N, C-alpha and C. Protein backbone atom coordinates (compact mmCIF):
# COMPACT_ATOMS: atom_id res chain seq x y z
N MET A 1 109.06 131.95 111.06
CA MET A 1 109.13 131.03 112.14
C MET A 1 110.24 131.55 113.14
N SER A 2 110.73 132.77 113.27
CA SER A 2 111.70 133.03 113.90
C SER A 2 111.38 132.69 115.54
N GLY A 3 112.33 132.42 116.29
CA GLY A 3 112.12 132.09 117.76
C GLY A 3 111.49 130.60 117.97
N THR A 4 110.90 130.10 116.91
CA THR A 4 110.55 128.70 116.96
C THR A 4 111.40 127.55 116.42
N ARG A 5 111.67 126.65 117.09
CA ARG A 5 112.18 125.49 116.45
C ARG A 5 111.47 125.03 115.39
N ALA A 6 112.11 124.76 114.22
CA ALA A 6 111.77 124.32 113.04
C ALA A 6 112.41 122.97 112.45
N VAL A 7 111.73 122.47 111.59
CA VAL A 7 112.30 121.14 110.75
C VAL A 7 112.15 121.53 109.45
N ARG A 8 113.23 120.97 108.60
CA ARG A 8 113.09 121.25 106.96
C ARG A 8 112.89 119.81 106.54
N ILE A 9 111.80 119.71 106.05
CA ILE A 9 111.42 118.32 105.24
C ILE A 9 111.74 118.39 103.82
N HIS A 10 112.86 117.62 103.26
CA HIS A 10 112.93 117.43 102.00
C HIS A 10 112.15 116.16 101.44
N TYR A 11 111.23 116.73 100.74
CA TYR A 11 110.17 115.73 100.05
C TYR A 11 110.22 115.50 98.81
N HIS A 12 110.55 114.39 98.33
CA HIS A 12 111.00 113.86 97.00
C HIS A 12 109.67 113.47 96.42
N ARG A 13 109.26 113.75 95.42
CA ARG A 13 108.17 113.49 94.29
C ARG A 13 108.69 112.94 92.94
N PRO A 14 109.00 111.30 92.98
CA PRO A 14 109.43 110.82 92.01
C PRO A 14 108.72 111.19 90.73
N PRO A 15 109.43 111.41 89.48
CA PRO A 15 110.63 110.92 89.39
C PRO A 15 111.87 112.02 89.74
N ASP A 16 111.67 113.25 89.68
CA ASP A 16 112.72 114.19 89.72
C ASP A 16 112.38 115.45 90.62
N ARG A 17 111.25 115.53 91.24
CA ARG A 17 110.83 116.91 92.07
C ARG A 17 111.14 116.66 93.52
N THR A 18 111.84 117.55 93.97
CA THR A 18 112.12 117.56 95.50
C THR A 18 111.83 119.01 96.14
N GLU A 19 110.97 119.11 97.05
CA GLU A 19 110.75 120.21 97.51
C GLU A 19 110.94 120.41 99.02
N VAL A 20 111.50 121.47 99.57
CA VAL A 20 111.88 121.52 101.08
C VAL A 20 110.80 122.44 101.75
N PHE A 21 110.37 121.87 102.75
CA PHE A 21 109.20 122.33 103.68
C PHE A 21 109.74 122.82 104.94
N GLU A 22 109.47 123.98 105.39
CA GLU A 22 110.01 124.28 106.76
C GLU A 22 108.64 124.47 107.53
N GLN A 23 108.62 123.91 108.62
CA GLN A 23 107.67 123.56 109.78
C GLN A 23 107.91 123.81 111.01
N ALA A 24 107.16 124.64 111.77
CA ALA A 24 107.55 124.87 113.17
C ALA A 24 107.32 123.42 114.00
N LEU A 25 108.13 123.03 114.91
CA LEU A 25 108.06 122.06 115.74
C LEU A 25 107.13 122.24 116.93
N VAL A 26 105.99 121.63 116.93
CA VAL A 26 104.98 121.72 118.04
C VAL A 26 105.42 120.91 119.24
N GLU A 27 105.49 119.57 118.86
CA GLU A 27 105.86 118.63 120.07
C GLU A 27 106.63 117.49 119.38
N GLU A 28 107.53 116.97 120.37
CA GLU A 28 108.40 115.87 119.91
C GLU A 28 108.43 114.80 120.80
N ARG A 29 108.00 113.66 120.38
CA ARG A 29 107.98 112.34 121.29
C ARG A 29 108.77 111.19 120.60
N PRO A 30 108.87 110.05 121.26
CA PRO A 30 109.44 109.07 120.51
C PRO A 30 108.60 108.53 119.47
N ASP A 31 107.27 108.36 119.62
CA ASP A 31 106.20 107.77 118.81
C ASP A 31 105.71 108.80 117.70
N VAL A 32 105.77 110.15 117.99
CA VAL A 32 105.21 111.21 117.00
C VAL A 32 105.86 112.70 117.13
N ILE A 33 106.03 113.21 115.82
CA ILE A 33 106.47 114.49 115.94
C ILE A 33 105.46 115.40 115.34
N VAL A 34 105.07 116.31 116.12
CA VAL A 34 104.07 117.34 115.54
C VAL A 34 104.59 118.64 115.13
N THR A 35 104.18 118.93 113.85
CA THR A 35 104.54 120.23 113.23
C THR A 35 103.53 120.79 112.70
N TYR A 36 103.86 122.22 112.52
CA TYR A 36 102.78 123.31 111.99
C TYR A 36 103.26 123.81 110.93
N ALA A 37 102.39 123.98 109.67
CA ALA A 37 102.76 124.65 108.54
C ALA A 37 101.72 125.87 108.53
N PRO A 38 102.05 127.05 108.49
CA PRO A 38 101.08 128.14 108.78
C PRO A 38 100.51 128.49 107.49
N SER A 39 101.12 127.92 106.41
CA SER A 39 100.69 128.30 104.92
C SER A 39 100.82 127.39 104.00
N ALA A 40 99.93 126.74 103.64
CA ALA A 40 99.83 125.61 102.57
C ALA A 40 100.66 126.21 101.14
N PRO A 41 101.90 125.65 100.74
CA PRO A 41 102.50 126.20 99.53
C PRO A 41 101.94 125.59 98.22
N ILE A 42 100.67 125.87 97.87
CA ILE A 42 99.97 125.36 96.87
C ILE A 42 99.43 126.41 96.23
N ALA A 43 99.56 126.06 94.78
CA ALA A 43 99.04 127.21 93.77
C ALA A 43 97.84 127.17 93.74
N ARG A 44 96.83 126.07 93.76
CA ARG A 44 95.54 125.94 93.71
C ARG A 44 94.81 125.04 94.72
N PRO A 45 93.58 125.26 94.84
CA PRO A 45 93.23 124.57 96.25
C PRO A 45 93.18 122.96 95.77
N ALA A 46 93.35 122.17 96.71
CA ALA A 46 93.12 120.83 96.63
C ALA A 46 91.83 120.43 96.89
N VAL A 47 91.52 119.35 96.20
CA VAL A 47 89.87 119.10 96.11
C VAL A 47 89.91 117.42 96.39
N ALA A 48 88.84 117.11 96.98
CA ALA A 48 88.56 115.62 97.08
C ALA A 48 87.03 115.57 97.08
N ASP A 49 86.60 114.73 96.22
CA ASP A 49 85.27 114.57 96.24
C ASP A 49 84.46 115.88 95.93
N GLY A 50 85.07 116.69 94.84
CA GLY A 50 84.34 117.76 94.61
C GLY A 50 84.42 118.87 95.63
N ARG A 51 84.99 118.80 96.64
CA ARG A 51 85.04 119.74 97.86
C ARG A 51 86.68 120.17 98.03
N ILE A 52 86.66 121.41 98.44
CA ILE A 52 88.13 122.05 98.40
C ILE A 52 88.56 121.59 100.14
N ILE A 53 89.63 120.84 99.95
CA ILE A 53 90.08 120.30 101.18
C ILE A 53 91.31 121.17 101.81
N LEU A 54 91.91 121.91 101.03
CA LEU A 54 93.15 122.60 101.54
C LEU A 54 93.34 123.86 100.36
N GLU A 55 93.34 125.10 101.06
CA GLU A 55 93.54 126.19 100.04
C GLU A 55 95.08 126.85 100.07
N PRO A 56 95.45 127.51 99.14
CA PRO A 56 96.65 128.23 99.21
C PRO A 56 96.54 129.06 100.41
N GLY A 57 97.69 128.95 101.36
CA GLY A 57 97.85 129.84 102.34
C GLY A 57 97.11 129.15 103.64
N ALA A 58 96.45 128.12 103.48
CA ALA A 58 95.74 127.43 104.66
C ALA A 58 96.96 126.83 105.50
N PRO A 59 96.64 126.91 106.74
CA PRO A 59 97.34 126.12 107.94
C PRO A 59 97.06 124.81 107.94
N ALA A 60 98.07 123.99 108.36
CA ALA A 60 97.92 122.34 108.49
C ALA A 60 98.78 121.95 109.79
N VAL A 61 98.38 121.04 110.43
CA VAL A 61 98.92 120.44 111.72
C VAL A 61 99.54 119.05 110.96
N TRP A 62 100.78 118.67 111.10
CA TRP A 62 101.22 117.44 110.44
C TRP A 62 101.75 116.51 111.65
N PHE A 63 101.47 115.30 111.44
CA PHE A 63 102.07 114.32 112.46
C PHE A 63 103.00 113.40 111.64
N THR A 64 104.11 112.99 112.13
CA THR A 64 105.19 112.26 111.51
C THR A 64 105.35 111.15 112.61
N PHE A 65 105.06 109.93 112.19
CA PHE A 65 105.67 108.92 113.01
C PHE A 65 106.79 108.21 112.59
N PRO A 66 107.90 108.14 113.36
CA PRO A 66 108.96 107.74 113.03
C PRO A 66 108.96 106.24 112.67
N GLY A 67 109.43 105.83 111.59
CA GLY A 67 109.26 104.41 111.15
C GLY A 67 108.06 104.01 110.44
N ALA A 68 107.17 104.92 110.28
CA ALA A 68 105.80 104.75 109.52
C ALA A 68 105.79 105.00 108.21
N TRP A 69 105.07 104.48 107.39
CA TRP A 69 104.86 104.56 105.91
C TRP A 69 103.87 105.62 105.52
N HIS A 70 103.56 106.53 106.49
CA HIS A 70 102.51 107.50 106.17
C HIS A 70 102.78 108.59 107.23
N ASP A 71 102.28 109.75 106.95
CA ASP A 71 102.10 110.94 107.86
C ASP A 71 100.74 111.40 107.85
N ILE A 72 100.32 112.26 108.67
CA ILE A 72 98.83 112.66 108.68
C ILE A 72 98.86 114.21 108.77
N GLY A 73 97.97 114.89 107.97
CA GLY A 73 97.83 116.39 108.07
C GLY A 73 96.48 116.69 108.38
N ARG A 74 96.24 117.45 109.40
CA ARG A 74 94.95 118.10 109.79
C ARG A 74 94.81 119.25 108.71
N PHE A 75 93.72 119.05 107.74
CA PHE A 75 93.64 120.21 106.78
C PHE A 75 92.76 121.19 107.00
N HIS A 76 92.89 122.36 106.47
CA HIS A 76 92.07 123.57 106.86
C HIS A 76 91.78 124.28 105.49
N LEU A 77 90.90 125.31 105.76
CA LEU A 77 90.63 126.20 104.60
C LEU A 77 91.55 127.40 105.00
N ALA A 78 91.59 128.58 104.20
CA ALA A 78 92.47 129.69 104.74
C ALA A 78 92.11 130.22 105.88
N ASP A 79 90.79 130.23 106.06
CA ASP A 79 90.11 130.87 107.48
C ASP A 79 90.37 130.05 108.69
N GLY A 80 90.89 128.90 108.66
CA GLY A 80 91.17 128.14 109.80
C GLY A 80 90.05 127.00 109.84
N THR A 81 89.13 126.92 109.01
CA THR A 81 88.02 125.70 109.10
C THR A 81 88.58 124.37 108.86
N PHE A 82 88.57 123.68 109.82
CA PHE A 82 89.05 122.32 109.70
C PHE A 82 88.21 121.46 108.65
N THR A 83 88.82 120.81 107.65
CA THR A 83 88.17 120.14 106.51
C THR A 83 88.14 118.56 106.65
N GLY A 84 89.33 118.04 107.36
CA GLY A 84 89.49 116.59 107.51
C GLY A 84 90.99 116.36 107.69
N LEU A 85 91.23 114.82 107.62
CA LEU A 85 92.37 114.23 107.80
C LEU A 85 92.98 113.58 106.78
N TYR A 86 94.21 113.89 106.33
CA TYR A 86 94.72 113.44 104.97
C TYR A 86 96.19 112.66 105.31
N ALA A 87 96.11 111.52 105.18
CA ALA A 87 97.42 110.67 105.34
C ALA A 87 97.91 110.61 104.12
N ASN A 88 99.25 110.76 104.06
CA ASN A 88 100.04 110.84 102.94
C ASN A 88 101.08 109.56 103.06
N VAL A 89 100.78 108.75 102.16
CA VAL A 89 101.66 107.47 102.00
C VAL A 89 102.95 107.88 101.49
N LEU A 90 104.02 107.52 102.25
CA LEU A 90 105.35 107.86 101.93
C LEU A 90 106.26 106.83 102.41
N THR A 91 107.77 106.98 102.18
CA THR A 91 108.57 106.23 102.71
C THR A 91 108.83 106.68 104.17
N PRO A 92 109.28 105.70 105.04
CA PRO A 92 109.64 106.25 106.46
C PRO A 92 110.52 107.36 106.33
N PRO A 93 110.22 108.51 107.03
CA PRO A 93 111.23 109.61 107.08
C PRO A 93 112.55 109.22 107.75
N GLU A 94 113.49 109.81 106.93
CA GLU A 94 114.91 109.91 107.68
C GLU A 94 115.19 110.99 108.41
N ILE A 95 115.25 110.90 109.75
CA ILE A 95 115.21 112.21 110.54
C ILE A 95 116.64 112.12 111.02
N ASP A 96 117.25 113.33 110.78
CA ASP A 96 118.47 113.76 111.23
C ASP A 96 118.46 114.98 111.78
N GLY A 97 117.90 115.01 113.09
CA GLY A 97 117.90 116.53 113.86
C GLY A 97 116.59 117.29 113.17
N ALA A 98 116.94 118.40 112.47
CA ALA A 98 115.94 119.46 112.09
C ALA A 98 115.86 119.12 110.75
N THR A 99 116.65 118.03 110.06
CA THR A 99 116.35 117.90 108.49
C THR A 99 115.99 116.39 108.41
N TRP A 100 114.88 116.37 107.53
CA TRP A 100 114.15 114.99 107.22
C TRP A 100 114.18 114.98 105.72
N ARG A 101 114.22 113.66 105.45
CA ARG A 101 114.20 113.34 104.08
C ARG A 101 113.04 112.02 103.97
N THR A 102 112.10 112.30 102.86
CA THR A 102 111.08 111.31 102.68
C THR A 102 110.83 111.05 101.18
N THR A 103 110.06 110.13 100.71
CA THR A 103 109.59 110.18 99.36
C THR A 103 108.31 109.96 99.20
N ASP A 104 107.62 110.69 98.45
CA ASP A 104 106.12 110.39 98.36
C ASP A 104 105.76 109.07 97.40
N LEU A 105 104.77 108.47 97.72
CA LEU A 105 104.45 107.22 97.27
C LEU A 105 103.14 107.29 96.62
N PHE A 106 102.83 108.52 96.32
CA PHE A 106 101.47 108.79 95.39
C PHE A 106 100.08 108.63 96.21
N LEU A 107 99.96 107.53 96.91
CA LEU A 107 98.66 107.26 97.39
C LEU A 107 98.44 108.15 98.67
N ASP A 108 97.16 108.45 98.94
CA ASP A 108 96.69 109.24 100.24
C ASP A 108 95.22 108.81 100.43
N VAL A 109 95.10 108.89 101.76
CA VAL A 109 93.85 108.56 102.55
C VAL A 109 93.19 109.77 102.85
N TRP A 110 92.00 110.01 102.74
CA TRP A 110 91.18 111.13 103.15
C TRP A 110 90.13 110.76 104.00
N LEU A 111 89.94 111.44 105.16
CA LEU A 111 88.84 111.30 105.99
C LEU A 111 88.32 112.60 106.25
N PRO A 112 87.13 113.03 105.66
CA PRO A 112 86.45 114.38 105.69
C PRO A 112 85.90 114.68 106.99
N ALA A 113 86.11 115.78 107.55
CA ALA A 113 85.64 116.39 108.73
C ALA A 113 83.96 116.00 109.03
N ASP A 114 83.28 116.12 108.01
CA ASP A 114 81.86 116.27 107.87
C ASP A 114 81.28 114.78 108.16
N GLY A 115 82.21 113.51 108.50
CA GLY A 115 81.74 112.50 108.68
C GLY A 115 81.39 111.53 107.34
N GLY A 116 81.84 112.22 106.29
CA GLY A 116 81.85 111.52 104.90
C GLY A 116 82.67 110.14 104.95
N ALA A 117 82.46 109.44 103.80
CA ALA A 117 83.21 108.02 103.71
C ALA A 117 84.66 108.41 103.58
N PRO A 118 85.60 107.66 104.30
CA PRO A 118 86.92 107.84 103.81
C PRO A 118 87.29 107.10 102.40
N ARG A 119 88.18 107.64 101.92
CA ARG A 119 88.56 106.87 100.62
C ARG A 119 90.24 107.22 100.49
N ILE A 120 90.64 106.17 99.30
CA ILE A 120 92.03 106.42 98.91
C ILE A 120 92.05 107.28 97.73
N LEU A 121 92.96 108.01 97.65
CA LEU A 121 93.09 109.20 96.69
C LEU A 121 94.25 108.69 95.89
N ASP A 122 94.31 109.05 94.63
CA ASP A 122 95.45 109.35 93.56
C ASP A 122 95.98 107.95 93.36
N GLU A 123 95.11 106.93 93.27
CA GLU A 123 95.49 105.52 92.60
C GLU A 123 95.87 105.63 91.29
N ASP A 124 95.32 106.53 90.30
CA ASP A 124 95.78 106.66 88.97
C ASP A 124 97.11 107.29 89.09
N GLU A 125 97.71 108.22 89.90
CA GLU A 125 98.99 108.53 89.80
C GLU A 125 99.86 107.47 90.26
N LEU A 126 99.54 106.67 91.19
CA LEU A 126 100.29 105.47 91.65
C LEU A 126 100.60 104.63 90.24
N GLU A 127 99.42 104.26 89.60
CA GLU A 127 99.37 103.31 88.46
C GLU A 127 100.46 103.98 87.38
N ASP A 128 100.09 105.21 87.29
CA ASP A 128 100.86 106.06 86.19
C ASP A 128 102.55 105.96 86.65
N ALA A 129 103.01 105.96 87.61
CA ALA A 129 104.24 106.00 88.38
C ALA A 129 104.85 104.58 88.03
N LEU A 130 103.94 103.66 88.18
CA LEU A 130 104.37 102.19 88.14
C LEU A 130 104.54 101.92 86.49
N ALA A 131 103.59 102.28 85.65
CA ALA A 131 103.69 102.32 84.02
C ALA A 131 104.85 102.79 83.63
N ARG A 132 105.42 103.98 84.09
CA ARG A 132 106.39 104.77 83.60
C ARG A 132 107.67 104.33 84.23
N GLY A 133 107.78 103.21 85.30
CA GLY A 133 109.04 102.85 85.83
C GLY A 133 109.65 103.70 86.95
N VAL A 134 108.76 104.70 87.22
CA VAL A 134 109.26 105.83 88.20
C VAL A 134 109.27 105.09 89.72
N LEU A 135 108.18 104.05 89.91
CA LEU A 135 108.39 103.32 91.16
C LEU A 135 108.13 101.77 90.70
N ASP A 136 109.13 101.02 91.46
CA ASP A 136 108.99 99.70 91.36
C ASP A 136 107.91 98.96 91.84
N ALA A 137 107.59 97.56 91.33
CA ALA A 137 106.34 96.85 91.86
C ALA A 137 106.26 96.63 93.40
N ARG A 138 107.46 96.45 93.96
CA ARG A 138 107.44 96.15 95.41
C ARG A 138 107.05 97.42 96.29
N THR A 139 107.69 98.38 95.87
CA THR A 139 107.29 99.61 96.46
C THR A 139 105.87 100.01 96.47
N ALA A 140 105.42 99.83 95.34
CA ALA A 140 103.99 100.34 94.78
C ALA A 140 103.13 99.38 95.74
N GLU A 141 103.22 98.03 95.73
CA GLU A 141 102.41 97.34 96.46
C GLU A 141 102.67 97.64 98.04
N ARG A 142 103.81 98.09 98.55
CA ARG A 142 104.02 98.45 99.96
C ARG A 142 103.00 99.71 100.13
N ALA A 143 102.98 100.65 98.98
CA ALA A 143 102.15 101.75 99.43
C ALA A 143 100.72 101.44 99.27
N ARG A 144 100.28 100.44 98.47
CA ARG A 144 98.73 100.06 98.52
C ARG A 144 98.56 99.40 99.73
N ALA A 145 99.30 98.61 100.22
CA ALA A 145 99.07 97.93 101.59
C ALA A 145 99.00 98.77 102.70
N GLU A 146 99.71 99.97 102.65
CA GLU A 146 99.82 101.12 103.64
C GLU A 146 98.26 101.67 103.56
N ALA A 147 97.85 102.05 102.37
CA ALA A 147 96.66 103.01 102.45
C ALA A 147 95.47 101.94 102.55
N ARG A 148 95.53 100.53 102.21
CA ARG A 148 94.41 99.65 102.75
C ARG A 148 94.33 99.42 103.95
N ASP A 149 95.38 99.49 104.98
CA ASP A 149 95.41 99.07 106.17
C ASP A 149 94.97 100.39 106.88
N LEU A 150 95.27 101.56 106.45
CA LEU A 150 94.83 102.90 107.21
C LEU A 150 93.15 102.85 106.85
N LEU A 151 92.73 102.85 105.75
CA LEU A 151 91.36 102.71 105.52
C LEU A 151 90.76 101.58 106.14
N GLY A 152 91.31 100.46 106.47
CA GLY A 152 90.58 99.24 107.34
C GLY A 152 90.60 99.89 108.68
N ALA A 153 91.65 100.44 109.22
CA ALA A 153 91.57 101.13 110.59
C ALA A 153 90.53 102.21 110.80
N VAL A 154 90.32 103.07 109.89
CA VAL A 154 89.35 104.03 109.99
C VAL A 154 87.92 103.32 110.14
N ARG A 155 87.70 102.16 109.33
CA ARG A 155 86.42 101.66 109.26
C ARG A 155 86.35 100.75 110.56
N ALA A 156 87.20 100.49 111.24
CA ALA A 156 87.07 99.74 112.26
C ALA A 156 87.04 100.47 113.68
N GLY A 157 87.10 101.96 113.38
CA GLY A 157 87.23 102.88 114.61
C GLY A 157 88.44 103.14 115.17
N MET A 158 89.52 102.62 114.65
CA MET A 158 90.86 102.57 115.44
C MET A 158 91.64 103.70 114.81
N TRP A 159 91.26 104.60 113.97
CA TRP A 159 92.14 105.50 113.21
C TRP A 159 91.17 106.76 113.02
N PRO A 160 91.91 108.01 113.38
CA PRO A 160 93.16 108.38 113.52
C PRO A 160 93.59 108.05 114.88
N PRO A 161 95.00 108.19 115.24
CA PRO A 161 95.46 108.01 116.62
C PRO A 161 94.91 109.20 117.50
N GLU A 162 94.81 108.96 118.84
CA GLU A 162 94.32 110.06 119.82
C GLU A 162 95.29 111.21 119.58
N VAL A 163 96.58 111.32 119.39
CA VAL A 163 97.39 112.37 119.31
C VAL A 163 97.04 113.26 118.14
N VAL A 164 96.37 112.76 117.08
CA VAL A 164 95.96 113.43 115.96
C VAL A 164 94.61 114.26 116.10
N ARG A 165 93.57 113.45 117.18
CA ARG A 165 92.43 114.12 117.55
C ARG A 165 92.81 115.52 118.44
N SER A 166 93.86 115.37 119.27
CA SER A 166 94.06 116.26 120.32
C SER A 166 94.93 117.47 119.85
N TRP A 167 95.59 117.34 118.88
CA TRP A 167 96.48 118.39 118.39
C TRP A 167 95.63 119.26 117.08
N THR A 168 94.77 119.93 117.74
CA THR A 168 94.07 120.72 116.67
C THR A 168 94.73 121.87 116.52
N LEU A 169 94.44 122.76 115.54
CA LEU A 169 95.06 123.87 115.02
C LEU A 169 95.19 124.85 116.10
N GLU A 170 94.13 124.93 117.05
CA GLU A 170 93.99 125.95 118.11
C GLU A 170 95.08 125.40 119.18
N ALA A 171 95.14 124.16 119.32
CA ALA A 171 96.23 123.58 120.35
C ALA A 171 97.61 124.03 119.95
N ALA A 172 97.80 123.69 118.61
CA ALA A 172 99.25 123.82 118.02
C ALA A 172 99.68 125.26 118.23
N LEU A 173 98.66 126.25 117.77
CA LEU A 173 98.86 127.70 117.90
C LEU A 173 99.17 128.07 119.37
N GLU A 174 98.24 127.64 120.24
CA GLU A 174 98.55 127.91 121.56
C GLU A 174 99.85 127.42 122.12
N ARG A 175 100.40 126.18 121.71
CA ARG A 175 101.63 125.68 121.98
C ARG A 175 102.74 126.64 121.59
N LEU A 176 102.50 127.13 120.35
CA LEU A 176 103.68 127.94 119.70
C LEU A 176 103.51 129.22 120.43
N GLY A 177 102.59 129.67 121.17
CA GLY A 177 102.64 130.99 121.79
C GLY A 177 101.81 131.91 120.75
N ALA A 178 100.93 131.51 119.80
CA ALA A 178 100.45 132.29 118.88
C ALA A 178 98.91 131.98 118.78
N ALA A 179 98.06 131.87 119.86
CA ALA A 179 96.83 131.58 120.01
C ALA A 179 96.09 132.79 119.18
N ASP A 180 96.68 133.95 119.05
CA ASP A 180 95.77 135.11 118.47
C ASP A 180 96.12 134.94 116.96
N GLY A 181 96.86 133.97 116.50
CA GLY A 181 96.87 133.80 114.98
C GLY A 181 98.02 134.61 114.63
N THR A 182 99.16 135.05 115.10
CA THR A 182 100.24 135.84 114.70
C THR A 182 101.08 134.70 113.99
N GLN A 183 101.01 133.55 114.43
CA GLN A 183 102.21 132.60 113.95
C GLN A 183 101.90 132.33 112.59
N ARG A 184 100.48 132.38 112.06
CA ARG A 184 100.01 132.00 110.90
C ARG A 184 100.59 132.95 109.64
């Protein structure tokens, strides 16, 4: 990502795993920060409802809302095919310039691009974390409330926010000066 402003996201997954993700800064406003990840750093495809939603090496456009208990990713296959929106429930990120810190709260909300039903993912992971004492009951309930609120907003036609609809992969690449895909 040389020549492009980048952020480094320190993403803690309780109990003891922290990964650092570097993403290109696409747009920064007081209400949202849009970043671009050219290649998903996953070993195997992510699957929801029996369908691949994100492949190793696939691009993603991320939306971080300062103070919010979730972020949103526009997920794709490795060839750039849009698969849907993935809201990751997490602690509000601590943003200090280009260094961010947040903690994953296990739950996710998935909204498939094909118009399929939205759903909450990984409830079993949250329950396991709670049972093992990795997450306290108050934080777990906050995570559940966030996921329920997001799902309710989808069903009411009030989610995702317009910024998420407008910042497609193509728009992000164009902003980064890489509409030909060289940034990927």
